[in-house]
Amino acid sequence: MALFGCGDQEDYAEYFCDALGTIRDIIEPRGATIVGHWPTAGYHFEASKGLADDDHFVGLAIDEDRQPELTNERVEKWVKQVAEELHLEEIKNA
């Protein structure tokens, strides 16, 4: 399963994309495997429950309020990454 979340890393810096972590905490104990961890590099926030580790979110974090110009590129890269992780050649090569 691949997750994405939307948030505002400046106005809500202390809980940016927390819902990613909330969803993870519900679905992982039920057997879900999460793919598509996304780097935290390029984001500016204080804390998030949506972190997989210090350097990655558990899914794609989108900030249409502060970084809308990065959304399309991030989505395209993330979809290809998820396709590779799931071995979906037809999407990976699109």
N, C-alpha and C. Protein backbone atom coordinates (compact mmCIF):
# COMPACT_ATOMS: atom_id res chain seq x y z
N MET A 1 0.85 -1.15 0.00
CA MET A 1 0.00 0.00 0.00
C MET A 1 0.91 1.23 0.00
N ALA A 2 0.55 2.22 -0.79
CA ALA A 2 1.29 3.48 -0.84
C ALA A 2 0.40 4.60 -0.32
N LEU A 3 0.97 5.45 0.49
CA LEU A 3 0.22 6.53 1.12
C LEU A 3 0.71 7.89 0.65
N PHE A 4 -0.19 8.86 0.63
CA PHE A 4 0.23 10.25 0.42
C PHE A 4 -0.58 11.12 1.36
N GLY A 5 -0.01 12.25 1.71
CA GLY A 5 -0.69 13.19 2.58
C GLY A 5 -0.45 14.61 2.13
N CYS A 6 -1.38 15.48 2.49
CA CYS A 6 -1.26 16.89 2.15
C CYS A 6 -1.19 17.70 3.44
N GLY A 7 -0.40 18.76 3.42
CA GLY A 7 -0.30 19.60 4.60
C GLY A 7 0.37 20.92 4.28
N ASP A 8 0.50 21.74 5.29
CA ASP A 8 1.14 23.05 5.21
C ASP A 8 2.31 23.04 6.18
N GLN A 9 3.51 22.93 5.66
CA GLN A 9 4.69 22.76 6.50
C GLN A 9 5.08 24.00 7.29
N GLU A 10 4.53 25.15 6.97
CA GLU A 10 4.83 26.37 7.73
C GLU A 10 3.78 26.64 8.81
N ASP A 11 2.52 26.71 8.42
CA ASP A 11 1.48 27.00 9.41
C ASP A 11 1.22 25.85 10.37
N TYR A 12 1.51 24.64 9.95
CA TYR A 12 1.29 23.46 10.78
C TYR A 12 2.59 22.66 10.91
N ALA A 13 3.69 23.38 11.13
CA ALA A 13 5.03 22.78 11.16
C ALA A 13 5.20 21.74 12.27
N GLU A 14 4.44 21.88 13.35
CA GLU A 14 4.61 20.95 14.47
C GLU A 14 3.86 19.63 14.27
N TYR A 15 3.05 19.54 13.22
CA TYR A 15 2.38 18.26 12.93
C TYR A 15 2.12 18.11 11.43
N PHE A 16 3.13 18.42 10.64
CA PHE A 16 3.03 18.33 9.18
C PHE A 16 2.79 16.89 8.72
N CYS A 17 1.72 16.69 8.02
CA CYS A 17 1.34 15.38 7.45
C CYS A 17 1.27 14.27 8.50
N ASP A 18 0.80 14.61 9.70
CA ASP A 18 0.63 13.61 10.76
C ASP A 18 -0.28 12.46 10.34
N ALA A 19 -1.25 12.73 9.49
CA ALA A 19 -2.22 11.69 9.10
C ALA A 19 -1.54 10.49 8.46
N LEU A 20 -0.38 10.71 7.81
CA LEU A 20 0.36 9.57 7.26
C LEU A 20 0.69 8.57 8.36
N GLY A 21 1.15 9.06 9.49
CA GLY A 21 1.48 8.18 10.60
C GLY A 21 0.25 7.56 11.24
N THR A 22 -0.82 8.31 11.32
CA THR A 22 -2.06 7.79 11.88
C THR A 22 -2.58 6.62 11.06
N ILE A 23 -2.58 6.79 9.76
CA ILE A 23 -3.03 5.70 8.87
C ILE A 23 -2.09 4.51 8.98
N ARG A 24 -0.77 4.77 8.97
CA ARG A 24 0.19 3.67 9.12
C ARG A 24 -0.08 2.87 10.39
N ASP A 25 -0.32 3.59 11.49
CA ASP A 25 -0.54 2.92 12.78
C ASP A 25 -1.80 2.07 12.80
N ILE A 26 -2.72 2.34 11.90
CA ILE A 26 -3.95 1.54 11.80
C ILE A 26 -3.75 0.35 10.88
N ILE A 27 -3.10 0.55 9.74
CA ILE A 27 -3.06 -0.51 8.73
C ILE A 27 -1.90 -1.49 8.88
N GLU A 28 -0.76 -1.04 9.40
CA GLU A 28 0.37 -1.98 9.54
C GLU A 28 0.05 -3.13 10.50
N PRO A 29 -0.56 -2.88 11.66
CA PRO A 29 -0.89 -4.00 12.55
C PRO A 29 -1.87 -4.99 11.93
N ARG A 30 -2.57 -4.57 10.90
CA ARG A 30 -3.52 -5.45 10.22
C ARG A 30 -2.89 -6.16 9.03
N GLY A 31 -1.57 -6.03 8.90
CA GLY A 31 -0.86 -6.79 7.87
C GLY A 31 -0.47 -6.04 6.62
N ALA A 32 -0.78 -4.76 6.54
CA ALA A 32 -0.43 -3.99 5.33
C ALA A 32 1.07 -3.75 5.27
N THR A 33 1.61 -3.82 4.08
CA THR A 33 2.99 -3.44 3.81
C THR A 33 2.96 -2.11 3.09
N ILE A 34 3.69 -1.15 3.62
CA ILE A 34 3.69 0.19 3.03
C ILE A 34 4.92 0.37 2.16
N VAL A 35 4.70 0.84 0.95
CA VAL A 35 5.78 1.18 0.03
C VAL A 35 5.70 2.68 -0.26
N GLY A 36 6.74 3.20 -0.86
CA GLY A 36 6.70 4.60 -1.29
C GLY A 36 7.15 5.60 -0.25
N HIS A 37 8.06 5.19 0.65
CA HIS A 37 8.60 6.17 1.59
C HIS A 37 9.24 7.30 0.79
N TRP A 38 9.10 8.52 1.28
CA TRP A 38 9.53 9.70 0.53
C TRP A 38 10.51 10.52 1.37
N PRO A 39 11.60 11.02 0.78
CA PRO A 39 12.60 11.79 1.54
C PRO A 39 12.03 13.08 2.14
N THR A 40 12.52 13.42 3.30
CA THR A 40 12.13 14.67 3.96
C THR A 40 12.94 15.86 3.45
N ALA A 41 13.98 15.61 2.68
CA ALA A 41 14.81 16.70 2.15
C ALA A 41 13.94 17.65 1.33
N GLY A 42 14.14 18.94 1.54
CA GLY A 42 13.38 19.94 0.81
C GLY A 42 12.14 20.43 1.52
N TYR A 43 11.81 19.81 2.64
CA TYR A 43 10.67 20.24 3.45
C TYR A 43 11.21 20.94 4.70
N HIS A 44 10.44 21.86 5.25
CA HIS A 44 10.85 22.60 6.44
C HIS A 44 9.71 22.54 7.46
N PHE A 45 9.85 21.64 8.42
CA PHE A 45 8.81 21.42 9.43
C PHE A 45 9.50 21.06 10.73
N GLU A 46 8.76 21.12 11.83
CA GLU A 46 9.31 20.82 13.15
C GLU A 46 9.13 19.37 13.55
N ALA A 47 7.96 18.81 13.27
CA ALA A 47 7.66 17.45 13.70
C ALA A 47 6.57 16.87 12.81
N SER A 48 6.56 15.53 12.76
CA SER A 48 5.51 14.83 12.02
C SER A 48 5.40 13.40 12.51
N LYS A 49 4.17 12.96 12.74
CA LYS A 49 3.93 11.55 13.05
C LYS A 49 4.03 10.71 11.79
N GLY A 50 4.16 11.37 10.64
CA GLY A 50 4.21 10.69 9.36
C GLY A 50 5.60 10.26 8.93
N LEU A 51 6.55 10.24 9.85
CA LEU A 51 7.91 9.85 9.50
C LEU A 51 8.12 8.35 9.63
N ALA A 52 8.79 7.78 8.64
CA ALA A 52 9.21 6.38 8.72
C ALA A 52 10.52 6.28 9.49
N ASP A 53 11.38 7.28 9.30
CA ASP A 53 12.65 7.42 10.01
C ASP A 53 13.02 8.89 9.94
N ASP A 54 14.22 9.24 10.38
CA ASP A 54 14.60 10.66 10.41
C ASP A 54 14.64 11.31 9.03
N ASP A 55 14.79 10.51 7.98
CA ASP A 55 15.00 11.05 6.64
C ASP A 55 13.86 10.78 5.66
N HIS A 56 12.80 10.10 6.09
CA HIS A 56 11.73 9.72 5.16
C HIS A 56 10.35 9.80 5.81
N PHE A 57 9.39 10.27 5.02
CA PHE A 57 7.99 10.14 5.38
C PHE A 57 7.54 8.73 5.00
N VAL A 58 6.44 8.25 5.58
CA VAL A 58 5.93 6.93 5.23
C VAL A 58 5.26 6.92 3.86
N GLY A 59 5.07 8.08 3.29
CA GLY A 59 4.51 8.22 1.95
C GLY A 59 4.83 9.59 1.40
N LEU A 60 4.25 9.92 0.29
CA LEU A 60 4.49 11.21 -0.34
C LEU A 60 3.82 12.33 0.46
N ALA A 61 4.59 13.34 0.80
CA ALA A 61 4.06 14.52 1.48
C ALA A 61 3.93 15.65 0.46
N ILE A 62 2.73 16.19 0.34
CA ILE A 62 2.45 17.25 -0.63
C ILE A 62 2.08 18.52 0.14
N ASP A 63 2.69 19.63 -0.26
CA ASP A 63 2.37 20.92 0.34
C ASP A 63 1.97 21.90 -0.76
N GLU A 64 0.69 21.92 -1.05
CA GLU A 64 0.17 22.82 -2.09
C GLU A 64 0.13 24.27 -1.62
N ASP A 65 0.23 24.50 -0.31
CA ASP A 65 0.22 25.87 0.20
C ASP A 65 1.57 26.55 0.04
N ARG A 66 2.65 25.84 0.31
CA ARG A 66 3.98 26.45 0.31
C ARG A 66 4.86 26.03 -0.86
N GLN A 67 4.60 24.86 -1.45
CA GLN A 67 5.45 24.37 -2.53
C GLN A 67 4.63 23.79 -3.69
N PRO A 68 3.63 24.51 -4.18
CA PRO A 68 2.80 23.95 -5.25
C PRO A 68 3.59 23.68 -6.53
N GLU A 69 4.65 24.42 -6.74
CA GLU A 69 5.46 24.24 -7.95
C GLU A 69 6.23 22.93 -7.95
N LEU A 70 6.32 22.26 -6.81
CA LEU A 70 7.04 20.99 -6.72
C LEU A 70 6.12 19.77 -6.79
N THR A 71 4.82 19.98 -6.72
CA THR A 71 3.88 18.87 -6.62
C THR A 71 3.94 17.93 -7.82
N ASN A 72 3.83 18.44 -9.03
CA ASN A 72 3.81 17.56 -10.20
C ASN A 72 5.07 16.71 -10.30
N GLU A 73 6.22 17.31 -10.10
CA GLU A 73 7.48 16.56 -10.16
C GLU A 73 7.54 15.51 -9.06
N ARG A 74 7.13 15.87 -7.86
CA ARG A 74 7.14 14.91 -6.75
C ARG A 74 6.21 13.74 -7.03
N VAL A 75 5.02 14.03 -7.53
CA VAL A 75 4.06 12.96 -7.82
C VAL A 75 4.61 12.03 -8.89
N GLU A 76 5.16 12.58 -9.96
CA GLU A 76 5.72 11.75 -11.03
C GLU A 76 6.84 10.86 -10.52
N LYS A 77 7.75 11.41 -9.75
CA LYS A 77 8.86 10.61 -9.21
C LYS A 77 8.35 9.54 -8.25
N TRP A 78 7.40 9.92 -7.42
CA TRP A 78 6.89 8.98 -6.42
C TRP A 78 6.13 7.83 -7.08
N VAL A 79 5.32 8.12 -8.09
CA VAL A 79 4.59 7.06 -8.79
C VAL A 79 5.58 6.08 -9.42
N LYS A 80 6.64 6.58 -10.03
CA LYS A 80 7.65 5.68 -10.60
C LYS A 80 8.35 4.87 -9.52
N GLN A 81 8.64 5.51 -8.40
CA GLN A 81 9.27 4.81 -7.28
C GLN A 81 8.37 3.68 -6.78
N VAL A 82 7.10 3.98 -6.58
CA VAL A 82 6.15 2.96 -6.11
C VAL A 82 6.04 1.84 -7.13
N ALA A 83 5.98 2.17 -8.40
CA ALA A 83 5.90 1.15 -9.46
C ALA A 83 7.12 0.24 -9.41
N GLU A 84 8.30 0.82 -9.20
CA GLU A 84 9.51 -0.01 -9.09
C GLU A 84 9.44 -0.92 -7.87
N GLU A 85 9.01 -0.37 -6.74
CA GLU A 85 8.93 -1.17 -5.52
C GLU A 85 7.93 -2.32 -5.66
N LEU A 86 6.89 -2.10 -6.46
CA LEU A 86 5.87 -3.13 -6.67
C LEU A 86 6.11 -3.96 -7.94
N HIS A 87 7.22 -3.66 -8.63
CA HIS A 87 7.59 -4.38 -9.86
C HIS A 87 6.50 -4.26 -10.93
N LEU A 88 6.00 -3.05 -11.12
CA LEU A 88 4.97 -2.78 -12.13
C LEU A 88 5.63 -2.11 -13.33
N GLU A 89 6.15 -2.89 -14.23
CA GLU A 89 6.93 -2.40 -15.36
C GLU A 89 6.18 -1.42 -16.25
N GLU A 90 4.90 -1.67 -16.50
CA GLU A 90 4.16 -0.82 -17.43
C GLU A 90 4.02 0.61 -16.90
N ILE A 91 3.97 0.80 -15.60
CA ILE A 91 3.88 2.15 -15.03
C ILE A 91 5.27 2.75 -14.91
N LYS A 92 6.21 1.95 -14.50
CA LYS A 92 7.58 2.43 -14.29
C LYS A 92 8.15 3.02 -15.57
N ASN A 93 7.81 2.45 -16.71
CA ASN A 93 8.37 2.89 -17.98
C ASN A 93 7.53 3.94 -18.69
N ALA A 94 6.45 4.38 -18.08
CA ALA A 94 5.56 5.38 -18.72
C ALA A 94 6.17 6.77 -18.70
